């Protein structure tokens, strides 16, 4: 099944809903960054959340970034998305390994540890919108739930999951959902939503059993007049290029480029988001220096 996202509404627009399946997105990230199963789980959850939050932005050029600046052994997590269903991301330590947590699951919370969760929204204004909260337990979904409540004052339910194969560590399924209550939501709707979420199976179980974004949301909101408003494909996609990396070299200035040339060997720059290397030969470095005059 291809990865895609669904955005919908329920309960006479008092509930907004997003759901996404991201098996291919997370598998692409796993392969590009050679992620351990624990790193796959942490980054995969964050990528799924970034896609759903990015889908809520209005303009084509809007960009959303989720950053976990943390002290755990994973070192940090970054995911960037847009309104077109494109996402990219990385973790500082792709090889992180920890014993299972008390429930026998991958210990994402232990890998993240403490720190701050930053949400940046670049919507074309002079300065991007920035929200920041303390990391609560490092499990990604709970931290984002806390962020929505504290920073955006939007009561939300966030559920995210990644299941990896125990033999080859490939991604079996990945995805999640976000449910949000709008202002003045009636108490009976809140109670019904709470009951549905408490009794819902884990995201990975629903996806492994053949669930789709639509069926997951219908199982949660089917009794609340759920309607699909939009469906879009999603993908791991990085916008880096050799031309952009060359511009970054130029921005370093003449002095730094001269120093690189003086070392007498090719220079390789790496894109953190997609782990692509760009190598510039001595001749190319000299040509770049000549362009600067």
C-alpha atoms as a PDB file:
ATOM      1  CA  UNK A   1       0.000   0.000   0.000  1.00  0.00           C
ATOM      2  CA  UNK A   2       1.251   3.458  -0.883  1.00  0.00           C
ATOM      3  CA  UNK A   3       1.777   5.983   1.865  1.00  0.00           C
ATOM      4  CA  UNK A   4      -0.921   8.617   2.127  1.00  0.00           C
ATOM      5  CA  UNK A   5      -2.633  11.000   4.515  1.00  0.00           C
ATOM      6  CA  UNK A   6      -6.276  11.707   5.211  1.00  0.00           C
ATOM      7  CA  UNK A   7      -7.677  14.880   6.735  1.00  0.00           C
ATOM      8  CA  UNK A   8     -11.258  14.958   7.930  1.00  0.00           C
ATOM      9  CA  UNK A   9     -13.818  16.351  10.314  1.00  0.00           C
ATOM     10  CA  UNK A  10     -16.465  14.942  12.654  1.00  0.00           C
ATOM     11  CA  UNK A  11     -19.148  15.933  15.147  1.00  0.00           C
ATOM     12  CA  UNK A  12     -20.359  18.931  13.128  1.00  0.00           C
ATOM     13  CA  UNK A  13     -16.794  20.212  12.746  1.00  0.00           C
ATOM     14  CA  UNK A  14     -16.098  20.151  16.487  1.00  0.00           C
ATOM     15  CA  UNK A  15     -13.432  17.483  15.864  1.00  0.00           C
ATOM     16  CA  UNK A  16     -10.588  17.754  13.359  1.00  0.00           C
ATOM     17  CA  UNK A  17      -8.881  14.520  12.382  1.00  0.00           C
ATOM     18  CA  UNK A  18      -5.689  13.486  10.603  1.00  0.00           C
ATOM     19  CA  UNK A  19      -4.352   9.992   9.930  1.00  0.00           C
ATOM     20  CA  UNK A  20      -1.391   8.787   7.901  1.00  0.00           C
ATOM     21  CA  UNK A  21       0.320   5.574   6.892  1.00  0.00           C
ATOM     22  CA  UNK A  22       4.085   5.959   6.463  1.00  0.00           C
ATOM     23  CA  UNK A  23       5.653   2.519   5.988  1.00  0.00           C
ATOM     24  CA  UNK A  24       7.580   3.602   2.876  1.00  0.00           C
ATOM     25  CA  UNK A  25       8.518   6.981   4.358  1.00  0.00           C
ATOM     26  CA  UNK A  26      10.041   5.367   7.431  1.00  0.00           C
ATOM     27  CA  UNK A  27      11.697   2.581   5.432  1.00  0.00           C
ATOM     28  CA  UNK A  28      13.310   5.185   3.173  1.00  0.00           C
ATOM     29  CA  UNK A  29      14.610   7.029   6.230  1.00  0.00           C
ATOM     30  CA  UNK A  30      15.858   3.756   7.735  1.00  0.00           C
ATOM     31  CA  UNK A  31      17.832   2.859   4.624  1.00  0.00           C
ATOM     32  CA  UNK A  32      19.221   6.337   3.980  1.00  0.00           C
ATOM     33  CA  UNK A  33      20.459   6.772   7.541  1.00  0.00           C
ATOM     34  CA  UNK A  34      21.197   3.108   8.383  1.00  0.00           C
ATOM     35  CA  UNK A  35      18.954   3.411  11.444  1.00  0.00           C
ATOM     36  CA  UNK A  36      18.802   0.973  14.317  1.00  0.00           C
ATOM     37  CA  UNK A  37      15.281  -0.294  15.130  1.00  0.00           C
ATOM     38  CA  UNK A  38      15.109   2.143  18.050  1.00  0.00           C
ATOM     39  CA  UNK A  39      16.187   5.077  15.885  1.00  0.00           C
ATOM     40  CA  UNK A  40      13.665   3.981  13.215  1.00  0.00           C
ATOM     41  CA  UNK A  41      10.889   4.060  15.806  1.00  0.00           C
ATOM     42  CA  UNK A  42      11.850   7.501  17.101  1.00  0.00           C
ATOM     43  CA  UNK A  43      12.341   9.119  13.711  1.00  0.00           C
ATOM     44  CA  UNK A  44       9.399   7.309  12.106  1.00  0.00           C
ATOM     45  CA  UNK A  45       7.003   8.605  14.756  1.00  0.00           C
ATOM     46  CA  UNK A  46       8.328  12.130  14.322  1.00  0.00           C
ATOM     47  CA  UNK A  47       8.079  11.992  10.522  1.00  0.00           C
ATOM     48  CA  UNK A  48       4.444  10.836  10.720  1.00  0.00           C
ATOM     49  CA  UNK A  49       3.579  13.657  13.109  1.00  0.00           C
ATOM     50  CA  UNK A  50       5.353  16.215  10.925  1.00  0.00           C
ATOM     51  CA  UNK A  51       3.357  15.101   7.877  1.00  0.00           C
ATOM     52  CA  UNK A  52       0.029  15.486   9.670  1.00  0.00           C
ATOM     53  CA  UNK A  53       0.973  18.865  11.148  1.00  0.00           C
ATOM     54  CA  UNK A  54       2.336  20.021   7.798  1.00  0.00           C
ATOM     55  CA  UNK A  55      -0.938  19.102   6.091  1.00  0.00           C
ATOM     56  CA  UNK A  56      -2.644  21.676   8.291  1.00  0.00           C
ATOM     57  CA  UNK A  57      -0.626  24.548   6.813  1.00  0.00           C
ATOM     58  CA  UNK A  58      -2.293  26.641   4.148  1.00  0.00           C
ATOM     59  CA  UNK A  59       0.342  27.771   1.646  1.00  0.00           C
ATOM     60  CA  UNK A  60       2.486  25.714  -0.707  1.00  0.00           C
ATOM     61  CA  UNK A  61       5.751  27.230   0.524  1.00  0.00           C
ATOM     62  CA  UNK A  62       4.957  26.876   4.247  1.00  0.00           C
ATOM     63  CA  UNK A  63       7.439  24.705   6.145  1.00  0.00           C
ATOM     64  CA  UNK A  64       7.061  23.023   9.546  1.00  0.00           C
ATOM     65  CA  UNK A  65       9.928  21.661  11.638  1.00  0.00           C
ATOM     66  CA  UNK A  66       9.777  19.430  14.720  1.00  0.00           C
ATOM     67  CA  UNK A  67      12.923  19.295  16.831  1.00  0.00           C
ATOM     68  CA  UNK A  68      13.606  17.227  19.923  1.00  0.00           C
ATOM     69  CA  UNK A  69      16.648  18.852  21.540  1.00  0.00           C
ATOM     70  CA  UNK A  70      17.397  16.219  24.127  1.00  0.00           C
ATOM     71  CA  UNK A  71      20.055  14.727  26.385  1.00  0.00           C
ATOM     72  CA  UNK A  72      19.279  11.056  25.710  1.00  0.00           C
ATOM     73  CA  UNK A  73      21.579   8.768  23.688  1.00  0.00           C
ATOM     74  CA  UNK A  74      19.730   9.467  20.444  1.00  0.00           C
ATOM     75  CA  UNK A  75      21.195  12.981  20.646  1.00  0.00           C
ATOM     76  CA  UNK A  76      18.285  14.759  18.946  1.00  0.00           C
ATOM     77  CA  UNK A  77      15.551  14.337  16.340  1.00  0.00           C
ATOM     78  CA  UNK A  78      14.632  16.703  13.498  1.00  0.00           C
ATOM     79  CA  UNK A  79      11.818  16.384  10.951  1.00  0.00           C
ATOM     80  CA  UNK A  80      10.731  18.975   8.387  1.00  0.00           C
ATOM     81  CA  UNK A  81       7.555  18.847   6.298  1.00  0.00           C
ATOM     82  CA  UNK A  82       5.427  20.988   4.010  1.00  0.00           C
ATOM     83  CA  UNK A  83       1.784  21.193   2.994  1.00  0.00           C
ATOM     84  CA  UNK A  84       2.383  18.972  -0.069  1.00  0.00           C
ATOM     85  CA  UNK A  85       2.956  15.731   1.824  1.00  0.00           C
ATOM     86  CA  UNK A  86       6.750  15.835   1.685  1.00  0.00           C
ATOM     87  CA  UNK A  87       8.913  15.150   4.735  1.00  0.00           C
ATOM     88  CA  UNK A  88      12.582  14.632   5.598  1.00  0.00           C
ATOM     89  CA  UNK A  89      14.433  14.101   8.840  1.00  0.00           C
ATOM     90  CA  UNK A  90      17.315  12.632  10.793  1.00  0.00           C
ATOM     91  CA  UNK A  91      18.517  11.675  14.256  1.00  0.00           C
ATOM     92  CA  UNK A  92      21.896  12.635  15.678  1.00  0.00           C
ATOM     93  CA  UNK A  93      22.773   9.046  16.651  1.00  0.00           C
ATOM     94  CA  UNK A  94      21.309   6.587  14.119  1.00  0.00           C
ATOM     95  CA  UNK A  95      22.937   3.608  15.869  1.00  0.00           C
ATOM     96  CA  UNK A  96      21.292   4.054  19.280  1.00  0.00           C
ATOM     97  CA  UNK A  97      20.488   0.772  21.044  1.00  0.00           C
ATOM     98  CA  UNK A  98      18.858   0.316  24.472  1.00  0.00           C
ATOM     99  CA  UNK A  99      17.242  -2.599  26.307  1.00  0.00           C
ATOM    100  CA  UNK A 100      13.442  -2.845  25.906  1.00  0.00           C
ATOM    101  CA  UNK A 101      11.342  -0.710  28.242  1.00  0.00           C
ATOM    102  CA  UNK A 102       9.185  -2.083  31.051  1.00  0.00           C
ATOM    103  CA  UNK A 103       6.504  -3.100  28.531  1.00  0.00           C
ATOM    104  CA  UNK A 104       8.973  -5.017  26.356  1.00  0.00           C
ATOM    105  CA  UNK A 105       8.831  -2.347  23.634  1.00  0.00           C
ATOM    106  CA  UNK A 106      11.508  -0.223  21.984  1.00  0.00           C
ATOM    107  CA  UNK A 107      12.521   2.365  24.586  1.00  0.00           C
ATOM    108  CA  UNK A 108      12.024   5.563  22.580  1.00  0.00           C
ATOM    109  CA  UNK A 109      11.497   7.562  25.774  1.00  0.00           C
ATOM    110  CA  UNK A 110      14.809   6.362  27.174  1.00  0.00           C
ATOM    111  CA  UNK A 111      16.569   7.206  23.900  1.00  0.00           C
ATOM    112  CA  UNK A 112      15.191  10.754  23.923  1.00  0.00           C
ATOM    113  CA  UNK A 113      15.563  11.551  27.606  1.00  0.00           C
ATOM    114  CA  UNK A 114      14.978  15.127  28.776  1.00  0.00           C
ATOM    115  CA  UNK A 115      15.158  18.463  26.980  1.00  0.00           C
ATOM    116  CA  UNK A 116      12.870  20.659  24.919  1.00  0.00           C
ATOM    117  CA  UNK A 117      10.491  20.120  22.030  1.00  0.00           C
ATOM    118  CA  UNK A 118      10.554  22.917  19.448  1.00  0.00           C
ATOM    119  CA  UNK A 119       7.950  23.484  16.730  1.00  0.00           C
ATOM    120  CA  UNK A 120       8.862  25.995  14.025  1.00  0.00           C
ATOM    121  CA  UNK A 121       6.380  27.159  11.383  1.00  0.00           C
ATOM    122  CA  UNK A 122       7.762  29.222   8.522  1.00  0.00           C
ATOM    123  CA  UNK A 123       4.642  30.677   6.888  1.00  0.00           C
ATOM    124  CA  UNK A 124       6.288  33.505   4.975  1.00  0.00           C
ATOM    125  CA  UNK A 125       6.329  36.115   7.729  1.00  0.00           C
ATOM    126  CA  UNK A 126       9.419  38.047   8.758  1.00  0.00           C
ATOM    127  CA  UNK A 127      10.032  35.615  11.620  1.00  0.00           C
ATOM    128  CA  UNK A 128       8.802  32.004  11.837  1.00  0.00           C
ATOM    129  CA  UNK A 129       6.340  31.022  14.541  1.00  0.00           C
ATOM    130  CA  UNK A 130       8.164  29.178  17.301  1.00  0.00           C
ATOM    131  CA  UNK A 131       6.647  27.092  20.087  1.00  0.00           C
ATOM    132  CA  UNK A 132       8.616  25.350  22.816  1.00  0.00           C
ATOM    133  CA  UNK A 133       7.728  22.987  25.672  1.00  0.00           C
ATOM    134  CA  UNK A 134       9.650  20.691  27.974  1.00  0.00           C
ATOM    135  CA  UNK A 135       9.868  17.082  26.839  1.00  0.00           C
ATOM    136  CA  UNK A 136       7.510  15.077  29.043  1.00  0.00           C
ATOM    137  CA  UNK A 137       8.549  11.460  28.533  1.00  0.00           C
ATOM    138  CA  UNK A 138      10.269  11.294  25.145  1.00  0.00           C
ATOM    139  CA  UNK A 139       7.675   8.979  23.610  1.00  0.00           C
ATOM    140  CA  UNK A 140       6.985  11.578  20.862  1.00  0.00           C
ATOM    141  CA  UNK A 141       3.166  11.278  20.769  1.00  0.00           C
ATOM    142  CA  UNK A 142       2.689  12.239  24.423  1.00  0.00           C
ATOM    143  CA  UNK A 143       5.106  15.133  24.025  1.00  0.00           C
ATOM    144  CA  UNK A 144       3.205  16.464  21.018  1.00  0.00           C
ATOM    145  CA  UNK A 145      -0.093  16.081  22.878  1.00  0.00           C
ATOM    146  CA  UNK A 146       1.395  18.223  25.648  1.00  0.00           C
ATOM    147  CA  UNK A 147       2.680  20.755  23.097  1.00  0.00           C
ATOM    148  CA  UNK A 148      -0.752  21.195  21.509  1.00  0.00           C
ATOM    149  CA  UNK A 149      -2.378  21.703  24.914  1.00  0.00           C
ATOM    150  CA  UNK A 150       0.188  24.127  26.322  1.00  0.00           C
ATOM    151  CA  UNK A 151       1.559  26.024  23.336  1.00  0.00           C
ATOM    152  CA  UNK A 152      -1.454  26.113  20.987  1.00  0.00           C
ATOM    153  CA  UNK A 153      -4.258  25.592  23.561  1.00  0.00           C
ATOM    154  CA  UNK A 154      -5.813  22.884  21.408  1.00  0.00           C
ATOM    155  CA  UNK A 155      -6.881  19.724  23.284  1.00  0.00           C
ATOM    156  CA  UNK A 156      -5.549  16.863  21.166  1.00  0.00           C
ATOM    157  CA  UNK A 157      -5.015  13.131  21.011  1.00  0.00           C
ATOM    158  CA  UNK A 158      -1.816  12.072  19.247  1.00  0.00           C
ATOM    159  CA  UNK A 159      -1.092   8.402  18.527  1.00  0.00           C
ATOM    160  CA  UNK A 160       2.000   7.283  16.618  1.00  0.00           C
ATOM    161  CA  UNK A 161       3.612   3.928  15.987  1.00  0.00           C
ATOM    162  CA  UNK A 162       6.381   2.120  14.111  1.00  0.00           C
ATOM    163  CA  UNK A 163       6.757  -1.660  13.938  1.00  0.00           C
ATOM    164  CA  UNK A 164      10.076  -3.131  12.755  1.00  0.00           C
ATOM    165  CA  UNK A 165      10.834  -6.644  11.559  1.00  0.00           C
ATOM    166  CA  UNK A 166      12.829  -8.554  14.175  1.00  0.00           C
ATOM    167  CA  UNK A 167      14.988 -10.280  11.561  1.00  0.00           C
ATOM    168  CA  UNK A 168      16.102  -7.628   9.067  1.00  0.00           C
ATOM    169  CA  UNK A 169      14.858  -4.493  10.911  1.00  0.00           C
ATOM    170  CA  UNK A 170      12.795  -3.365   7.903  1.00  0.00           C
ATOM    171  CA  UNK A 171       9.603  -1.423   8.584  1.00  0.00           C
ATOM    172  CA  UNK A 172       6.501  -3.593   8.868  1.00  0.00           C
ATOM    173  CA  UNK A 173       4.116  -0.661   9.362  1.00  0.00           C
ATOM    174  CA  UNK A 174       4.256   2.953  10.460  1.00  0.00           C
ATOM    175  CA  UNK A 175       1.843   5.845  10.889  1.00  0.00           C
ATOM    176  CA  UNK A 176      -0.467   7.584  13.301  1.00  0.00           C
ATOM    177  CA  UNK A 177      -3.384   9.899  13.887  1.00  0.00           C
ATOM    178  CA  UNK A 178      -4.139  13.266  15.472  1.00  0.00           C
ATOM    179  CA  UNK A 179      -7.585  14.227  16.784  1.00  0.00           C
ATOM    180  CA  UNK A 180      -8.254  17.794  17.898  1.00  0.00           C
ATOM    181  CA  UNK A 181     -11.184  19.440  19.666  1.00  0.00           C
ATOM    182  CA  UNK A 182     -12.389  22.800  18.442  1.00  0.00           C
ATOM    183  CA  UNK A 183     -13.527  25.596  20.813  1.00  0.00           C
ATOM    184  CA  UNK A 184     -16.896  25.116  22.576  1.00  0.00           C
ATOM    185  CA  UNK A 185     -16.957  21.400  21.821  1.00  0.00           C
ATOM    186  CA  UNK A 186     -19.934  19.881  23.718  1.00  0.00           C
ATOM    187  CA  UNK A 187     -19.116  17.719  26.730  1.00  0.00           C
ATOM    188  CA  UNK A 188     -20.922  14.686  25.312  1.00  0.00           C
ATOM    189  CA  UNK A 189     -18.667  14.727  22.238  1.00  0.00           C
ATOM    190  CA  UNK A 190     -15.582  14.993  24.441  1.00  0.00           C
ATOM    191  CA  UNK A 191     -16.776  12.019  26.506  1.00  0.00           C
ATOM    192  CA  UNK A 192     -17.506   9.944  23.402  1.00  0.00           C
ATOM    193  CA  UNK A 193     -14.083  10.747  21.918  1.00  0.00           C
ATOM    194  CA  UNK A 194     -12.302   9.880  25.169  1.00  0.00           C
ATOM    195  CA  UNK A 195     -14.067   6.509  25.295  1.00  0.00           C
ATOM    196  CA  UNK A 196     -13.169   5.753  21.678  1.00  0.00           C
ATOM    197  CA  UNK A 197      -9.500   6.596  22.214  1.00  0.00           C
ATOM    198  CA  UNK A 198      -9.194   4.619  25.447  1.00  0.00           C
ATOM    199  CA  UNK A 199     -10.567   1.456  23.833  1.00  0.00           C
ATOM    200  CA  UNK A 200      -8.707   1.853  20.525  1.00  0.00           C
ATOM    201  CA  UNK A 201      -5.937  -0.664  19.751  1.00  0.00           C
ATOM    202  CA  UNK A 202      -2.360   0.613  19.272  1.00  0.00           C
ATOM    203  CA  UNK A 203      -1.677   2.259  15.914  1.00  0.00           C
ATOM    204  CA  UNK A 204       0.709  -0.487  14.818  1.00  0.00           C
ATOM    205  CA  UNK A 205      -1.897  -3.164  15.541  1.00  0.00           C
ATOM    206  CA  UNK A 206      -4.510  -1.374  13.445  1.00  0.00           C
ATOM    207  CA  UNK A 207      -2.062  -0.906  10.564  1.00  0.00           C
ATOM    208  CA  UNK A 208      -0.704  -4.460  10.769  1.00  0.00           C
ATOM    209  CA  UNK A 209      -4.288  -5.761  10.624  1.00  0.00           C
ATOM    210  CA  UNK A 210      -4.813  -3.943   7.338  1.00  0.00           C
ATOM    211  CA  UNK A 211      -6.107  -0.641   8.636  1.00  0.00           C
ATOM    212  CA  UNK A 212      -6.001   2.423   6.428  1.00  0.00           C
ATOM    213  CA  UNK A 213      -6.065   6.093   7.442  1.00  0.00           C
ATOM    214  CA  UNK A 214      -9.790   6.185   6.595  1.00  0.00           C
ATOM    215  CA  UNK A 215     -10.667   3.015   8.478  1.00  0.00           C
ATOM    216  CA  UNK A 216      -8.663   4.092  11.530  1.00  0.00           C
ATOM    217  CA  UNK A 217     -10.501   7.413  11.719  1.00  0.00           C
ATOM    218  CA  UNK A 218     -13.854   5.750  11.064  1.00  0.00           C
ATOM    219  CA  UNK A 219     -13.230   3.310  13.910  1.00  0.00           C
ATOM    220  CA  UNK A 220     -12.610   6.266  16.222  1.00  0.00           C
ATOM    221  CA  UNK A 221     -15.157   8.728  14.860  1.00  0.00           C
ATOM    222  CA  UNK A 222     -17.681   6.593  12.988  1.00  0.00           C
ATOM    223  CA  UNK A 223     -20.492   7.520  15.352  1.00  0.00           C
ATOM    224  CA  UNK A 224     -19.766  11.243  15.026  1.00  0.00           C
ATOM    225  CA  UNK A 225     -20.583  11.787  11.345  1.00  0.00           C
ATOM    226  CA  UNK A 226     -16.950  11.540  10.219  1.00  0.00           C
ATOM    227  CA  UNK A 227     -16.212  12.969   6.759  1.00  0.00           C
ATOM    228  CA  UNK A 228     -13.042  12.798   4.684  1.00  0.00           C
ATOM    229  CA  UNK A 229     -12.087  16.292   3.502  1.00  0.00           C
ATOM    230  CA  UNK A 230      -8.779  15.571   1.771  1.00  0.00           C
ATOM    231  CA  UNK A 231      -6.492  12.710   0.809  1.00  0.00           C
ATOM    232  CA  UNK A 232      -2.906  13.171  -0.365  1.00  0.00           C
ATOM    233  CA  UNK A 233       0.114  10.962  -1.074  1.00  0.00           C
ATOM    234  CA  UNK A 234       3.100  11.421   1.238  1.00  0.00           C
ATOM    235  CA  UNK A 235       6.786  10.692   0.701  1.00  0.00           C
ATOM    236  CA  UNK A 236      10.247  11.127   2.174  1.00  0.00           C
ATOM    237  CA  UNK A 237      11.744  13.785  -0.068  1.00  0.00           C
ATOM    238  CA  UNK A 238      14.774  16.016   0.392  1.00  0.00           C
ATOM    239  CA  UNK A 239      15.221  19.185  -1.643  1.00  0.00           C
ATOM    240  CA  UNK A 240      19.011  19.238  -1.427  1.00  0.00           C
ATOM    241  CA  UNK A 241      21.017  19.428  -4.662  1.00  0.00           C
ATOM    242  CA  UNK A 242      24.578  19.951  -5.807  1.00  0.00           C
ATOM    243  CA  UNK A 243      23.704  23.531  -6.736  1.00  0.00           C
ATOM    244  CA  UNK A 244      22.392  24.278  -3.237  1.00  0.00           C
ATOM    245  CA  UNK A 245      25.456  22.731  -1.622  1.00  0.00           C
ATOM    246  CA  UNK A 246      27.682  24.820  -3.898  1.00  0.00           C
ATOM    247  CA  UNK A 247      25.851  27.928  -2.712  1.00  0.00           C
ATOM    248  CA  UNK A 248      26.572  26.849   0.861  1.00  0.00           C
ATOM    249  CA  UNK A 249      30.262  26.579  -0.029  1.00  0.00           C
ATOM    250  CA  UNK A 250      30.196  30.051  -1.560  1.00  0.00           C
ATOM    251  CA  UNK A 251      28.543  31.397   1.586  1.00  0.00           C
ATOM    252  CA  UNK A 252      31.550  30.161   3.592  1.00  0.00           C
ATOM    253  CA  UNK A 253      33.591  32.960   1.991  1.00  0.00           C
ATOM    254  CA  UNK A 254      36.919  33.259   0.184  1.00  0.00           C
ATOM    255  CA  UNK A 255      39.075  32.646   3.228  1.00  0.00           C
ATOM    256  CA  UNK A 256      37.482  29.321   4.117  1.00  0.00           C
ATOM    257  CA  UNK A 257      37.510  28.123   0.508  1.00  0.00           C
ATOM    258  CA  UNK A 258      41.215  29.027   0.223  1.00  0.00           C
ATOM    259  CA  UNK A 259      41.860  26.979   3.355  1.00  0.00           C
ATOM    260  CA  UNK A 260      40.068  23.998   1.812  1.00  0.00           C
ATOM    261  CA  UNK A 261      42.114  24.339  -1.373  1.00  0.00           C
ATOM    262  CA  UNK A 262      45.320  24.566   0.664  1.00  0.00           C
ATOM    263  CA  UNK A 263      44.598  21.138   2.134  1.00  0.00           C
ATOM    264  CA  UNK A 264      45.048  19.752  -1.368  1.00  0.00           C
ATOM    265  CA  UNK A 265      42.262  17.186  -1.417  1.00  0.00           C
ATOM    266  CA  UNK A 266      38.608  16.947  -2.466  1.00  0.00           C
ATOM    267  CA  UNK A 267      35.950  18.201  -0.047  1.00  0.00           C
ATOM    268  CA  UNK A 268      32.823  16.185   0.750  1.00  0.00           C
ATOM    269  CA  UNK A 269      29.754  17.822   2.275  1.00  0.00           C
ATOM    270  CA  UNK A 270      26.895  15.753   3.663  1.00  0.00           C
ATOM    271  CA  UNK A 271      23.176  16.549   3.766  1.00  0.00           C
ATOM    272  CA  UNK A 272      21.986  15.633   7.266  1.00  0.00           C
ATOM    273  CA  UNK A 273      18.396  15.164   6.118  1.00  0.00           C
ATOM    274  CA  UNK A 274      18.947  12.513   3.430  1.00  0.00           C
ATOM    275  CA  UNK A 275      22.565  11.473   4.095  1.00  0.00           C
ATOM    276  CA  UNK A 276      23.650  12.321   0.529  1.00  0.00           C
ATOM    277  CA  UNK A 277      27.326  13.201   0.018  1.00  0.00           C
ATOM    278  CA  UNK A 278      28.427  15.906  -2.414  1.00  0.00           C
ATOM    279  CA  UNK A 279      32.121  15.839  -3.340  1.00  0.00           C
ATOM    280  CA  UNK A 280      33.953  18.795  -4.890  1.00  0.00           C
ATOM    281  CA  UNK A 281      37.314  18.257  -6.552  1.00  0.00           C
ATOM    282  CA  UNK A 282      40.240  20.644  -6.230  1.00  0.00           C
ATOM    283  CA  UNK A 283      39.484  21.982  -9.704  1.00  0.00           C
ATOM    284  CA  UNK A 284      35.868  22.662  -8.752  1.00  0.00           C
ATOM    285  CA  UNK A 285      36.912  24.434  -5.546  1.00  0.00           C
ATOM    286  CA  UNK A 286      39.279  26.653  -7.516  1.00  0.00           C
ATOM    287  CA  UNK A 287      36.493  27.418  -9.984  1.00  0.00           C
ATOM    288  CA  UNK A 288      34.151  28.347  -7.113  1.00  0.00           C
ATOM    289  CA  UNK A 289      36.846  30.658  -5.689  1.00  0.00           C
ATOM    290  CA  UNK A 290      37.266  32.303  -9.083  1.00  0.00           C
ATOM    291  CA  UNK A 291      33.521  32.959  -9.235  1.00  0.00           C
ATOM    292  CA  UNK A 292      33.889  35.018  -6.079  1.00  0.00           C
ATOM    293  CA  UNK A 293      36.415  37.255  -7.848  1.00  0.00           C
END
